[in-house]
Amino acid sequence: MKPFGYQRPTTTAEAVRLCAEGAGARFLGGGTNLVDLMKLGVEEPGLLIDVTKLPLDRVAPAPDGGLRIGATVRNSDLAAHPDVRRDYPVLTQALLAGASGQLRNTATTGGNLLQRTRCSYFQDVSKPCNKRLPGSGCPAREGSHRDLAILGHSTECVATNPSDMAVALTALDATVLLLGPEGERAVPVTEFHRLPGENPDQDTVIRPGELITEVVLPPPAPGSVSRYRKARDRASYAFALVSVAATLQVEDGRVGRATLAFGGVAHRPWRARRAEAELLGAPATPAAFQHALIAELAEAQPLRDNAFKVDLVRRVAQDVLGELSDPQGPEAAPTT
């Protein structure tokens, strides 16, 4: 690990200023991803700006009935928050499905959104990787890609976003608030992460020096239920092969509203817009769910060893929608 500077600002304005002035500066929250990448030599910041003492560790009601989540709120605290458990169970379930209890006690909301891919080529500095070194190539396309993308990838990169939390936030239509040298701005979480295109090294739309300050959830839709489900190689402490976050509102046996997001299948949490459009007004039946999901996954482009993900994510999503549409309610169903 190369030497680096360390600063602990006391205000968000000071943190942004330090980042703008410091060459190779990075914000440090829980460090559960960044520090690991520094040890591997993937990340080599010249300055770490510790944001854990900033006043961004609160969960509070929003004026419109939604919820404001500070960027330094720990994942374990967010999962256990009574307002989240009551109004946004899909978020609690996603957080509890991620990592271990020890890591959830350290990881932060902002850091979770910014964590980088777990692609083995990205994490191995002895291998080429367009995400780490643009123009060096993507050996994963012909190499080991069982866990990688089936949607939205490019010739430059087939990596996947590893976050469970971000998938739930995508289904919830959350908004990310940013503070930078040019002031504040709000970005829908569905637009926060990028697809790789020709610039896979750019994971998000964050501008240089910008700090995540909050994530804002809209009010829960009346009568809506939600669920997160994750399929993985082992029961705990494993990243998703695929995951599904969904909200569903059924009126008189028909879908009044549905949101659907997939994890483990793309460079960013994949919002299933086509499936949502197919479901709107459709009968809340297994046949209708399957039809919508097949339509969504028609654009999938699996690689040699990950075609199983197409059927896996369809089956997981159909199970989740079936549980949510059950008149007896989804409470009895497993959380992960």
C-alpha atoms as a PDB file:
ATOM      1  CA  MET A   1       0.000   0.000   0.000  1.00  0.00           C
ATOM      2  CA  LYS A   2       1.396   3.403  -1.000  1.00  0.00           C
ATOM      3  CA  PRO A   3       1.625   6.276   1.514  1.00  0.00           C
ATOM      4  CA  PHE A   4      -1.364   8.625   1.629  1.00  0.00           C
ATOM      5  CA  GLY A   5      -2.547  11.673   3.534  1.00  0.00           C
ATOM      6  CA  TYR A   6      -5.470  11.708   5.966  1.00  0.00           C
ATOM      7  CA  GLN A   7      -7.899  14.474   6.927  1.00  0.00           C
ATOM      8  CA  ARG A   8     -11.013  14.462   9.125  1.00  0.00           C
ATOM      9  CA  PRO A   9     -13.208  17.490   8.298  1.00  0.00           C
ATOM     10  CA  THR A  10     -16.014  18.633  10.568  1.00  0.00           C
ATOM     11  CA  THR A  11     -18.339  20.125   7.921  1.00  0.00           C
ATOM     12  CA  THR A  12     -19.520  18.979   4.509  1.00  0.00           C
ATOM     13  CA  ALA A  13     -18.238  22.208   2.970  1.00  0.00           C
ATOM     14  CA  GLU A  14     -14.755  21.530   4.344  1.00  0.00           C
ATOM     15  CA  ALA A  15     -14.871  17.939   3.073  1.00  0.00           C
ATOM     16  CA  VAL A  16     -15.769  19.080  -0.435  1.00  0.00           C
ATOM     17  CA  ARG A  17     -13.055  21.748  -0.375  1.00  0.00           C
ATOM     18  CA  LEU A  18     -10.399  19.265   0.720  1.00  0.00           C
ATOM     19  CA  CYS A  19     -11.415  16.853  -2.017  1.00  0.00           C
ATOM     20  CA  ALA A  20     -11.341  19.566  -4.663  1.00  0.00           C
ATOM     21  CA  GLU A  21      -7.894  20.716  -3.559  1.00  0.00           C
ATOM     22  CA  GLY A  22      -6.277  17.329  -2.947  1.00  0.00           C
ATOM     23  CA  ALA A  23      -4.743  15.440  -5.845  1.00  0.00           C
ATOM     24  CA  GLY A  24      -6.127  11.899  -5.890  1.00  0.00           C
ATOM     25  CA  ALA A  25      -8.368  12.584  -2.897  1.00  0.00           C
ATOM     26  CA  ARG A  26     -11.067  10.103  -1.928  1.00  0.00           C
ATOM     27  CA  PHE A  27     -13.818  10.207   0.676  1.00  0.00           C
ATOM     28  CA  LEU A  28     -13.578   7.489   3.335  1.00  0.00           C
ATOM     29  CA  GLY A  29     -16.660   6.119   5.101  1.00  0.00           C
ATOM     30  CA  GLY A  30     -16.598   2.634   6.566  1.00  0.00           C
ATOM     31  CA  GLY A  31     -13.776   1.664   4.209  1.00  0.00           C
ATOM     32  CA  THR A  32     -15.100  -1.877   3.730  1.00  0.00           C
ATOM     33  CA  ASN A  33     -14.494  -1.686  -0.035  1.00  0.00           C
ATOM     34  CA  LEU A  34     -12.004   1.148  -0.539  1.00  0.00           C
ATOM     35  CA  VAL A  35      -9.446  -0.099   1.998  1.00  0.00           C
ATOM     36  CA  ASP A  36      -9.573  -3.604   0.525  1.00  0.00           C
ATOM     37  CA  LEU A  37      -8.870  -2.170  -2.937  1.00  0.00           C
ATOM     38  CA  MET A  38      -6.017  -0.109  -1.549  1.00  0.00           C
ATOM     39  CA  LYS A  39      -4.450  -3.262  -0.111  1.00  0.00           C
ATOM     40  CA  LEU A  40      -4.733  -4.919  -3.528  1.00  0.00           C
ATOM     41  CA  GLY A  41      -3.149  -1.922  -5.268  1.00  0.00           C
ATOM     42  CA  VAL A  42      -6.299  -1.275  -7.296  1.00  0.00           C
ATOM     43  CA  GLU A  43      -6.947   2.066  -5.577  1.00  0.00           C
ATOM     44  CA  GLU A  44      -4.055   4.419  -4.742  1.00  0.00           C
ATOM     45  CA  PRO A  45      -5.519   7.647  -3.339  1.00  0.00           C
ATOM     46  CA  GLY A  46      -3.147  10.418  -2.372  1.00  0.00           C
ATOM     47  CA  LEU A  47      -5.498  11.679   0.345  1.00  0.00           C
ATOM     48  CA  LEU A  48      -8.266  10.049   2.378  1.00  0.00           C
ATOM     49  CA  ILE A  49     -10.953  12.404   3.663  1.00  0.00           C
ATOM     50  CA  ASP A  50     -12.731  10.739   6.590  1.00  0.00           C
ATOM     51  CA  VAL A  51     -16.413  11.730   6.462  1.00  0.00           C
ATOM     52  CA  THR A  52     -17.606   9.572   9.359  1.00  0.00           C
ATOM     53  CA  LYS A  53     -17.718  12.516  11.787  1.00  0.00           C
ATOM     54  CA  LEU A  54     -19.838  14.702   9.523  1.00  0.00           C
ATOM     55  CA  PRO A  55     -23.468  15.320  10.571  1.00  0.00           C
ATOM     56  CA  LEU A  56     -24.783  12.832   8.003  1.00  0.00           C
ATOM     57  CA  ASP A  57     -25.662   9.933  10.310  1.00  0.00           C
ATOM     58  CA  ARG A  58     -29.403  10.500  10.768  1.00  0.00           C
ATOM     59  CA  VAL A  59     -32.563   8.906   9.389  1.00  0.00           C
ATOM     60  CA  ALA A  60     -35.401  11.419   9.453  1.00  0.00           C
ATOM     61  CA  PRO A  61     -38.890  11.879   7.977  1.00  0.00           C
ATOM     62  CA  ALA A  62     -39.083  13.939   4.797  1.00  0.00           C
ATOM     63  CA  PRO A  63     -41.691  16.719   4.502  1.00  0.00           C
ATOM     64  CA  ASP A  64     -43.646  14.770   1.855  1.00  0.00           C
ATOM     65  CA  GLY A  65     -43.914  11.654   4.030  1.00  0.00           C
ATOM     66  CA  GLY A  66     -40.844   9.934   2.641  1.00  0.00           C
ATOM     67  CA  LEU A  67     -37.553   9.302   4.424  1.00  0.00           C
ATOM     68  CA  ARG A  68     -34.164  11.035   4.391  1.00  0.00           C
ATOM     69  CA  ILE A  69     -31.151   8.796   4.989  1.00  0.00           C
ATOM     70  CA  GLY A  70     -27.788  10.351   5.784  1.00  0.00           C
ATOM     71  CA  ALA A  71     -24.779   9.150   3.832  1.00  0.00           C
ATOM     72  CA  THR A  72     -22.902   7.919   6.922  1.00  0.00           C
ATOM     73  CA  VAL A  73     -25.782   5.916   8.400  1.00  0.00           C
ATOM     74  CA  ARG A  74     -24.447   2.408   9.012  1.00  0.00           C
ATOM     75  CA  ASN A  75     -26.086  -0.425   7.091  1.00  0.00           C
ATOM     76  CA  SER A  76     -27.009  -2.279  10.279  1.00  0.00           C
ATOM     77  CA  ASP A  77     -28.656   0.822  11.776  1.00  0.00           C
ATOM     78  CA  LEU A  78     -30.592   1.496   8.588  1.00  0.00           C
ATOM     79  CA  ALA A  79     -31.826  -2.093   8.370  1.00  0.00           C
ATOM     80  CA  ALA A  80     -33.064  -1.942  11.965  1.00  0.00           C
ATOM     81  CA  HIS A  81     -34.686   1.487  11.781  1.00  0.00           C
ATOM     82  CA  PRO A  82     -38.410   1.164  12.624  1.00  0.00           C
ATOM     83  CA  ASP A  83     -39.554   3.451   9.787  1.00  0.00           C
ATOM     84  CA  VAL A  84     -37.562   1.431   7.255  1.00  0.00           C
ATOM     85  CA  ARG A  85     -38.801  -1.894   8.600  1.00  0.00           C
ATOM     86  CA  ARG A  86     -42.413  -0.695   8.537  1.00  0.00           C
ATOM     87  CA  ASP A  87     -42.589   1.289   5.289  1.00  0.00           C
ATOM     88  CA  TYR A  88     -39.709  -0.062   3.162  1.00  0.00           C
ATOM     89  CA  PRO A  89     -39.225  -3.738   4.077  1.00  0.00           C
ATOM     90  CA  VAL A  90     -37.535  -4.402   0.732  1.00  0.00           C
ATOM     91  CA  LEU A  91     -34.656  -2.165   1.888  1.00  0.00           C
ATOM     92  CA  THR A  92     -34.295  -3.889   5.259  1.00  0.00           C
ATOM     93  CA  GLN A  93     -34.287  -7.285   3.534  1.00  0.00           C
ATOM     94  CA  ALA A  94     -31.657  -6.183   0.994  1.00  0.00           C
ATOM     95  CA  LEU A  95     -29.365  -4.799   3.689  1.00  0.00           C
ATOM     96  CA  LEU A  96     -29.622  -7.946   5.812  1.00  0.00           C
ATOM     97  CA  ALA A  97     -28.852 -10.073   2.737  1.00  0.00           C
ATOM     98  CA  GLY A  98     -25.573  -8.231   2.194  1.00  0.00           C
ATOM     99  CA  ALA A  99     -22.189  -9.042   3.730  1.00  0.00           C
ATOM    100  CA  SER A 100     -21.776 -10.106   7.373  1.00  0.00           C
ATOM    101  CA  GLY A 101     -23.051  -8.515  10.558  1.00  0.00           C
ATOM    102  CA  GLN A 102     -19.605  -7.103  11.295  1.00  0.00           C
ATOM    103  CA  LEU A 103     -19.362  -5.440   7.883  1.00  0.00           C
ATOM    104  CA  ARG A 104     -22.905  -4.067   8.115  1.00  0.00           C
ATOM    105  CA  ASN A 105     -21.906  -2.440  11.414  1.00  0.00           C
ATOM    106  CA  THR A 106     -19.173  -0.543   9.541  1.00  0.00           C
ATOM    107  CA  ALA A 107     -20.436   0.005   5.987  1.00  0.00           C
ATOM    108  CA  THR A 108     -22.266   3.257   5.255  1.00  0.00           C
ATOM    109  CA  THR A 109     -25.121   4.230   2.947  1.00  0.00           C
ATOM    110  CA  GLY A 110     -22.936   6.397   0.724  1.00  0.00           C
ATOM    111  CA  GLY A 111     -20.116   3.886   0.623  1.00  0.00           C
ATOM    112  CA  ASN A 112     -22.486   1.074  -0.282  1.00  0.00           C
ATOM    113  CA  LEU A 113     -23.642   3.041  -3.327  1.00  0.00           C
ATOM    114  CA  LEU A 114     -20.035   3.643  -4.371  1.00  0.00           C
ATOM    115  CA  GLN A 115     -18.631   0.139  -3.918  1.00  0.00           C
ATOM    116  CA  ARG A 116     -16.892  -1.223  -6.972  1.00  0.00           C
ATOM    117  CA  THR A 117     -17.263  -4.494  -8.833  1.00  0.00           C
ATOM    118  CA  ARG A 118     -15.992  -7.788  -7.460  1.00  0.00           C
ATOM    119  CA  CYS A 119     -14.847  -8.966 -10.906  1.00  0.00           C
ATOM    120  CA  SER A 120     -11.654 -10.975 -10.313  1.00  0.00           C
ATOM    121  CA  TYR A 121      -9.860  -9.301 -13.229  1.00  0.00           C
ATOM    122  CA  PHE A 122     -10.574  -5.842 -11.811  1.00  0.00           C
ATOM    123  CA  GLN A 123      -9.191  -6.869  -8.424  1.00  0.00           C
ATOM    124  CA  ASP A 124      -5.995  -8.446  -9.818  1.00  0.00           C
ATOM    125  CA  VAL A 125      -3.512  -5.768 -10.875  1.00  0.00           C
ATOM    126  CA  SER A 126      -1.458  -8.354 -12.770  1.00  0.00           C
ATOM    127  CA  LYS A 127      -4.347  -8.787 -15.244  1.00  0.00           C
ATOM    128  CA  PRO A 128      -5.611  -6.344 -17.879  1.00  0.00           C
ATOM    129  CA  CYS A 129      -8.928  -4.632 -17.109  1.00  0.00           C
ATOM    130  CA  ASN A 130     -10.607  -1.744 -18.923  1.00  0.00           C
ATOM    131  CA  LYS A 131     -12.327  -0.657 -15.720  1.00  0.00           C
ATOM    132  CA  ARG A 132      -8.998  -0.339 -13.893  1.00  0.00           C
ATOM    133  CA  LEU A 133      -6.853   0.705 -16.877  1.00  0.00           C
ATOM    134  CA  PRO A 134      -8.903   1.886 -19.908  1.00  0.00           C
ATOM    135  CA  GLY A 135      -7.746   0.388 -23.165  1.00  0.00           C
ATOM    136  CA  SER A 136      -6.042  -2.640 -21.624  1.00  0.00           C
ATOM    137  CA  GLY A 137      -8.821  -5.078 -22.552  1.00  0.00           C
ATOM    138  CA  CYS A 138     -11.518  -7.199 -20.915  1.00  0.00           C
ATOM    139  CA  PRO A 139     -10.253 -10.767 -20.437  1.00  0.00           C
ATOM    140  CA  ALA A 140     -13.479 -11.686 -18.622  1.00  0.00           C
ATOM    141  CA  ARG A 141     -15.386 -11.872 -21.904  1.00  0.00           C
ATOM    142  CA  GLU A 142     -13.498 -14.993 -22.918  1.00  0.00           C
ATOM    143  CA  GLY A 143     -12.277 -15.965 -19.464  1.00  0.00           C
ATOM    144  CA  SER A 144     -14.052 -16.413 -16.140  1.00  0.00           C
ATOM    145  CA  HIS A 145     -17.439 -14.706 -16.391  1.00  0.00           C
ATOM    146  CA  ARG A 146     -19.952 -17.039 -14.738  1.00  0.00           C
ATOM    147  CA  ASP A 147     -20.871 -14.355 -12.182  1.00  0.00           C
ATOM    148  CA  LEU A 148     -20.878 -11.418 -14.592  1.00  0.00           C
ATOM    149  CA  ALA A 149     -23.356  -9.444 -16.698  1.00  0.00           C
ATOM    150  CA  ILE A 150     -26.102 -10.627 -19.038  1.00  0.00           C
ATOM    151  CA  LEU A 151     -27.704  -7.197 -19.578  1.00  0.00           C
ATOM    152  CA  GLY A 152     -26.317  -3.818 -20.606  1.00  0.00           C
ATOM    153  CA  HIS A 153     -22.704  -4.898 -20.999  1.00  0.00           C
ATOM    154  CA  SER A 154     -20.354  -3.814 -23.769  1.00  0.00           C
ATOM    155  CA  THR A 155     -17.267  -5.082 -25.548  1.00  0.00           C
ATOM    156  CA  GLU A 156     -15.283  -3.039 -23.017  1.00  0.00           C
ATOM    157  CA  CYS A 157     -16.653  -4.545 -19.784  1.00  0.00           C
ATOM    158  CA  VAL A 158     -18.983  -7.269 -18.495  1.00  0.00           C
ATOM    159  CA  ALA A 159     -18.652  -6.538 -14.764  1.00  0.00           C
ATOM    160  CA  THR A 160     -21.619  -6.362 -12.395  1.00  0.00           C
ATOM    161  CA  ASN A 161     -22.535  -4.003  -9.582  1.00  0.00           C
ATOM    162  CA  PRO A 162     -22.267  -5.891  -6.256  1.00  0.00           C
ATOM    163  CA  SER A 163     -24.644  -3.841  -4.081  1.00  0.00           C
ATOM    164  CA  ASP A 164     -27.789  -5.355  -2.555  1.00  0.00           C
ATOM    165  CA  MET A 165     -28.899  -2.041  -1.079  1.00  0.00           C
ATOM    166  CA  ALA A 166     -28.733  -0.239  -4.425  1.00  0.00           C
ATOM    167  CA  VAL A 167     -31.096  -2.776  -6.005  1.00  0.00           C
ATOM    168  CA  ALA A 168     -33.722  -2.069  -3.354  1.00  0.00           C
ATOM    169  CA  LEU A 169     -33.225   1.697  -3.689  1.00  0.00           C
ATOM    170  CA  THR A 170     -33.701   1.350  -7.446  1.00  0.00           C
ATOM    171  CA  ALA A 171     -37.055  -0.371  -6.986  1.00  0.00           C
ATOM    172  CA  LEU A 172     -38.028   2.325  -4.473  1.00  0.00           C
ATOM    173  CA  ASP A 173     -37.273   5.245  -6.844  1.00  0.00           C
ATOM    174  CA  ALA A 174     -34.826   6.787  -4.378  1.00  0.00           C
ATOM    175  CA  THR A 175     -32.942  10.004  -5.053  1.00  0.00           C
ATOM    176  CA  VAL A 176     -29.254  10.615  -4.282  1.00  0.00           C
ATOM    177  CA  LEU A 177     -28.316  14.088  -3.017  1.00  0.00           C
ATOM    178  CA  LEU A 178     -24.820  15.326  -3.847  1.00  0.00           C
ATOM    179  CA  LEU A 179     -22.749  18.291  -2.697  1.00  0.00           C
ATOM    180  CA  GLY A 180     -19.805  19.425  -4.775  1.00  0.00           C
ATOM    181  CA  PRO A 181     -17.713  22.467  -5.705  1.00  0.00           C
ATOM    182  CA  GLU A 182     -20.554  23.675  -7.935  1.00  0.00           C
ATOM    183  CA  GLY A 183     -23.225  23.270  -5.249  1.00  0.00           C
ATOM    184  CA  GLU A 184     -25.967  20.740  -4.558  1.00  0.00           C
ATOM    185  CA  ARG A 185     -27.816  18.524  -7.012  1.00  0.00           C
ATOM    186  CA  ALA A 186     -30.197  15.559  -6.920  1.00  0.00           C
ATOM    187  CA  VAL A 187     -29.829  12.449  -9.074  1.00  0.00           C
ATOM    188  CA  PRO A 188     -32.439   9.671  -9.321  1.00  0.00           C
ATOM    189  CA  VAL A 189     -30.782   6.464  -8.161  1.00  0.00           C
ATOM    190  CA  THR A 190     -31.864   4.854 -11.447  1.00  0.00           C
ATOM    191  CA  GLU A 191     -29.490   7.287 -13.199  1.00  0.00           C
ATOM    192  CA  PHE A 192     -26.715   7.290 -10.589  1.00  0.00           C
ATOM    193  CA  HIS A 193     -24.827   4.204 -11.797  1.00  0.00           C
ATOM    194  CA  ARG A 194     -23.678   3.971 -15.416  1.00  0.00           C
ATOM    195  CA  LEU A 195     -23.650   1.188 -17.966  1.00  0.00           C
ATOM    196  CA  PRO A 196     -20.089   0.550 -19.209  1.00  0.00           C
ATOM    197  CA  GLY A 197     -20.320   1.671 -22.838  1.00  0.00           C
ATOM    198  CA  GLU A 198     -16.874   2.820 -23.941  1.00  0.00           C
ATOM    199  CA  ASN A 199     -15.958   4.178 -20.479  1.00  0.00           C
ATOM    200  CA  PRO A 200     -16.281   1.317 -17.976  1.00  0.00           C
ATOM    201  CA  ASP A 201     -13.903   3.059 -15.565  1.00  0.00           C
ATOM    202  CA  GLN A 202     -16.705   5.541 -14.785  1.00  0.00           C
ATOM    203  CA  ASP A 203     -19.018   3.679 -12.405  1.00  0.00           C
ATOM    204  CA  THR A 204     -21.336   6.561 -11.556  1.00  0.00           C
ATOM    205  CA  VAL A 205     -22.325  10.055 -12.683  1.00  0.00           C
ATOM    206  CA  ILE A 206     -20.586  11.647  -9.683  1.00  0.00           C
ATOM    207  CA  ARG A 207     -18.510  14.654 -10.668  1.00  0.00           C
ATOM    208  CA  PRO A 208     -15.012  15.309  -9.279  1.00  0.00           C
ATOM    209  CA  GLY A 209     -15.168  16.436  -5.661  1.00  0.00           C
ATOM    210  CA  GLU A 210     -18.839  15.564  -5.119  1.00  0.00           C
ATOM    211  CA  LEU A 211     -19.901  14.028  -1.821  1.00  0.00           C
ATOM    212  CA  ILE A 212     -23.043  11.959  -1.278  1.00  0.00           C
ATOM    213  CA  THR A 213     -24.917  13.655   1.571  1.00  0.00           C
ATOM    214  CA  GLU A 214     -28.284  11.878   1.634  1.00  0.00           C
ATOM    215  CA  VAL A 215     -30.520   9.331   0.000  1.00  0.00           C
ATOM    216  CA  VAL A 216     -34.194  10.305  -0.100  1.00  0.00           C
ATOM    217  CA  LEU A 217     -37.021   7.781  -0.343  1.00  0.00           C
ATOM    218  CA  PRO A 218     -40.450   8.832  -1.635  1.00  0.00           C
ATOM    219  CA  PRO A 219     -43.522   8.063   0.478  1.00  0.00           C
ATOM    220  CA  PRO A 220     -44.565   4.402   0.212  1.00  0.00           C
ATOM    221  CA  ALA A 221     -47.418   3.897  -2.252  1.00  0.00           C
ATOM    222  CA  PRO A 222     -50.718   3.149  -0.456  1.00  0.00           C
ATOM    223  CA  GLY A 223     -51.467  -0.556  -0.457  1.00  0.00           C
ATOM    224  CA  SER A 224     -48.061  -1.457  -1.858  1.00  0.00           C
ATOM    225  CA  VAL A 225     -46.020  -4.410  -0.587  1.00  0.00           C
ATOM    226  CA  SER A 226     -42.354  -5.101  -1.261  1.00  0.00           C
ATOM    227  CA  ARG A 227     -39.751  -7.832  -1.107  1.00  0.00           C
ATOM    228  CA  TYR A 228     -36.083  -8.531  -1.837  1.00  0.00           C
ATOM    229  CA  ARG A 229     -34.821 -11.974  -2.831  1.00  0.00           C
ATOM    230  CA  LYS A 230     -31.227 -13.002  -3.484  1.00  0.00           C
ATOM    231  CA  ALA A 231     -29.904 -16.156  -5.135  1.00  0.00           C
ATOM    232  CA  ARG A 232     -26.297 -16.974  -4.268  1.00  0.00           C
ATOM    233  CA  ASP A 233     -23.841 -19.848  -4.174  1.00  0.00           C
ATOM    234  CA  ARG A 234     -23.928 -20.183  -0.392  1.00  0.00           C
ATOM    235  CA  ALA A 235     -26.387 -19.161   2.286  1.00  0.00           C
ATOM    236  CA  SER A 236     -24.391 -16.283   3.774  1.00  0.00           C
ATOM    237  CA  TYR A 237     -21.645 -13.777   3.031  1.00  0.00           C
ATOM    238  CA  ALA A 238     -21.837 -14.190  -0.737  1.00  0.00           C
ATOM    239  CA  PHE A 239     -22.569 -11.750  -3.518  1.00  0.00           C
ATOM    240  CA  ALA A 240     -25.680 -12.279  -5.601  1.00  0.00           C
ATOM    241  CA  LEU A 241     -25.714 -14.456  -8.659  1.00  0.00           C
ATOM    242  CA  VAL A 242     -28.987 -12.640  -9.233  1.00  0.00           C
ATOM    243  CA  SER A 243     -31.281 -10.658  -6.967  1.00  0.00           C
ATOM    244  CA  VAL A 244     -34.716  -9.095  -7.279  1.00  0.00           C
ATOM    245  CA  ALA A 245     -36.315  -6.132  -5.519  1.00  0.00           C
ATOM    246  CA  ALA A 246     -39.989  -5.529  -6.175  1.00  0.00           C
ATOM    247  CA  THR A 247     -42.925  -3.455  -5.026  1.00  0.00           C
ATOM    248  CA  LEU A 248     -46.456  -4.404  -6.016  1.00  0.00           C
ATOM    249  CA  GLN A 249     -49.909  -2.937  -5.622  1.00  0.00           C
ATOM    250  CA  VAL A 250     -52.876  -5.113  -6.607  1.00  0.00           C
ATOM    251  CA  GLU A 251     -56.398  -3.736  -7.001  1.00  0.00           C
ATOM    252  CA  ASP A 252     -59.352  -6.014  -7.774  1.00  0.00           C
ATOM    253  CA  GLY A 253     -57.022  -8.756  -8.943  1.00  0.00           C
ATOM    254  CA  ARG A 254     -55.059  -6.523 -11.329  1.00  0.00           C
ATOM    255  CA  VAL A 255     -51.690  -4.829 -11.005  1.00  0.00           C
ATOM    256  CA  GLY A 256     -52.217  -1.176 -10.147  1.00  0.00           C
ATOM    257  CA  ARG A 257     -48.511  -0.437  -9.754  1.00  0.00           C
ATOM    258  CA  ALA A 258     -45.289  -2.433  -9.927  1.00  0.00           C
ATOM    259  CA  THR A 259     -41.597  -1.602  -9.696  1.00  0.00           C
ATOM    260  CA  LEU A 260     -38.924  -4.200 -10.358  1.00  0.00           C
ATOM    261  CA  ALA A 261     -35.131  -4.133 -10.166  1.00  0.00           C
ATOM    262  CA  PHE A 262     -32.548  -6.874 -10.753  1.00  0.00           C
ATOM    263  CA  GLY A 263     -29.104  -7.221  -9.201  1.00  0.00           C
ATOM    264  CA  GLY A 264     -26.145  -9.323 -10.259  1.00  0.00           C
ATOM    265  CA  VAL A 265     -26.998  -9.049 -13.957  1.00  0.00           C
ATOM    266  CA  ALA A 266     -25.595  -5.707 -15.110  1.00  0.00           C
ATOM    267  CA  HIS A 267     -23.086  -2.922 -14.516  1.00  0.00           C
ATOM    268  CA  ARG A 268     -25.765  -1.165 -12.459  1.00  0.00           C
ATOM    269  CA  PRO A 269     -28.952  -2.272 -10.724  1.00  0.00           C
ATOM    270  CA  TRP A 270     -31.223  -3.098 -13.648  1.00  0.00           C
ATOM    271  CA  ARG A 271     -34.619  -1.387 -13.539  1.00  0.00           C
ATOM    272  CA  ALA A 272     -37.028  -3.661 -15.432  1.00  0.00           C
ATOM    273  CA  ARG A 273     -39.039  -0.930 -17.150  1.00  0.00           C
ATOM    274  CA  ARG A 274     -40.426  -3.129 -19.887  1.00  0.00           C
ATOM    275  CA  ALA A 275     -41.691  -5.706 -17.400  1.00  0.00           C
ATOM    276  CA  GLU A 276     -43.290  -2.943 -15.329  1.00  0.00           C
ATOM    277  CA  ALA A 277     -45.102  -1.603 -18.384  1.00  0.00           C
ATOM    278  CA  GLU A 278     -46.341  -5.081 -19.285  1.00  0.00           C
ATOM    279  CA  LEU A 279     -47.610  -5.637 -15.743  1.00  0.00           C
ATOM    280  CA  LEU A 280     -49.542  -2.388 -15.402  1.00  0.00           C
ATOM    281  CA  GLY A 281     -53.236  -3.271 -15.504  1.00  0.00           C
ATOM    282  CA  ALA A 282     -52.522  -6.950 -16.119  1.00  0.00           C
ATOM    283  CA  PRO A 283     -54.076  -9.683 -13.975  1.00  0.00           C
ATOM    284  CA  ALA A 284     -51.919 -10.534 -10.974  1.00  0.00           C
ATOM    285  CA  THR A 285     -51.349 -14.113 -12.106  1.00  0.00           C
ATOM    286  CA  PRO A 286     -48.289 -16.303 -12.646  1.00  0.00           C
ATOM    287  CA  ALA A 287     -48.933 -16.300 -16.400  1.00  0.00           C
ATOM    288  CA  ALA A 288     -48.951 -12.495 -16.554  1.00  0.00           C
ATOM    289  CA  PHE A 289     -45.815 -12.269 -14.410  1.00  0.00           C
ATOM    290  CA  GLN A 290     -43.997 -14.765 -16.640  1.00  0.00           C
ATOM    291  CA  HIS A 291     -45.055 -12.946 -19.806  1.00  0.00           C
ATOM    292  CA  ALA A 292     -43.754  -9.630 -18.494  1.00  0.00           C
ATOM    293  CA  LEU A 293     -40.453 -11.095 -17.341  1.00  0.00           C
ATOM    294  CA  ILE A 294     -39.840 -12.914 -20.617  1.00  0.00           C
ATOM    295  CA  ALA A 295     -40.410  -9.619 -22.433  1.00  0.00           C
ATOM    296  CA  GLU A 296     -37.908  -7.863 -20.153  1.00  0.00           C
ATOM    297  CA  LEU A 297     -35.228 -10.514 -20.574  1.00  0.00           C
ATOM    298  CA  ALA A 298     -35.569 -10.750 -24.351  1.00  0.00           C
ATOM    299  CA  GLU A 299     -32.671  -8.283 -24.638  1.00  0.00           C
ATOM    300  CA  ALA A 300     -30.335 -10.342 -22.451  1.00  0.00           C
ATOM    301  CA  GLN A 301     -26.988 -11.189 -24.035  1.00  0.00           C
ATOM    302  CA  PRO A 302     -25.455 -13.926 -21.894  1.00  0.00           C
ATOM    303  CA  LEU A 303     -21.894 -15.048 -22.374  1.00  0.00           C
ATOM    304  CA  ARG A 304     -20.582 -18.585 -22.707  1.00  0.00           C
ATOM    305  CA  ASP A 305     -20.911 -19.577 -19.039  1.00  0.00           C
ATOM    306  CA  ASN A 306     -23.654 -17.386 -17.566  1.00  0.00           C
ATOM    307  CA  ALA A 307     -26.738 -18.083 -19.687  1.00  0.00           C
ATOM    308  CA  PHE A 308     -28.254 -19.780 -16.623  1.00  0.00           C
ATOM    309  CA  LYS A 309     -28.747 -16.316 -15.127  1.00  0.00           C
ATOM    310  CA  VAL A 310     -31.498 -15.482 -17.623  1.00  0.00           C
ATOM    311  CA  ASP A 311     -33.726 -18.266 -16.377  1.00  0.00           C
ATOM    312  CA  LEU A 312     -32.611 -17.830 -12.763  1.00  0.00           C
ATOM    313  CA  VAL A 313     -33.538 -14.153 -12.520  1.00  0.00           C
ATOM    314  CA  ARG A 314     -36.868 -14.833 -14.265  1.00  0.00           C
ATOM    315  CA  ARG A 315     -37.739 -17.576 -11.810  1.00  0.00           C
ATOM    316  CA  VAL A 316     -36.688 -15.552  -8.764  1.00  0.00           C
ATOM    317  CA  ALA A 317     -38.667 -12.524  -9.950  1.00  0.00           C
ATOM    318  CA  GLN A 318     -41.733 -14.626 -10.691  1.00  0.00           C
ATOM    319  CA  ASP A 319     -41.574 -16.155  -7.202  1.00  0.00           C
ATOM    320  CA  VAL A 320     -41.257 -12.715  -5.602  1.00  0.00           C
ATOM    321  CA  LEU A 321     -44.207 -11.301  -7.554  1.00  0.00           C
ATOM    322  CA  GLY A 322     -46.235 -14.398  -6.717  1.00  0.00           C
ATOM    323  CA  GLU A 323     -45.541 -13.954  -3.002  1.00  0.00           C
ATOM    324  CA  LEU A 324     -46.435 -10.271  -3.112  1.00  0.00           C
ATOM    325  CA  SER A 325     -49.717 -10.955  -4.893  1.00  0.00           C
ATOM    326  CA  ASP A 326     -50.748 -13.672  -2.444  1.00  0.00           C
ATOM    327  CA  PRO A 327     -53.985 -12.537  -0.724  1.00  0.00           C
ATOM    328  CA  GLN A 328     -52.651 -13.959   2.552  1.00  0.00           C
ATOM    329  CA  GLY A 329     -49.799 -11.483   2.350  1.00  0.00           C
ATOM    330  CA  PRO A 330     -46.039 -11.813   1.884  1.00  0.00           C
ATOM    331  CA  GLU A 331     -45.139 -11.799   5.566  1.00  0.00           C
ATOM    332  CA  ALA A 332     -44.843 -15.570   5.830  1.00  0.00           C
ATOM    333  CA  ALA A 333     -42.402 -15.820   2.948  1.00  0.00           C
ATOM    334  CA  PRO A 334     -38.621 -16.021   3.563  1.00  0.00           C
ATOM    335  CA  THR A 335     -36.678 -12.744   3.438  1.00  0.00           C
ATOM    336  CA  THR A 336     -33.719 -13.882   1.353  1.00  0.00           C
END
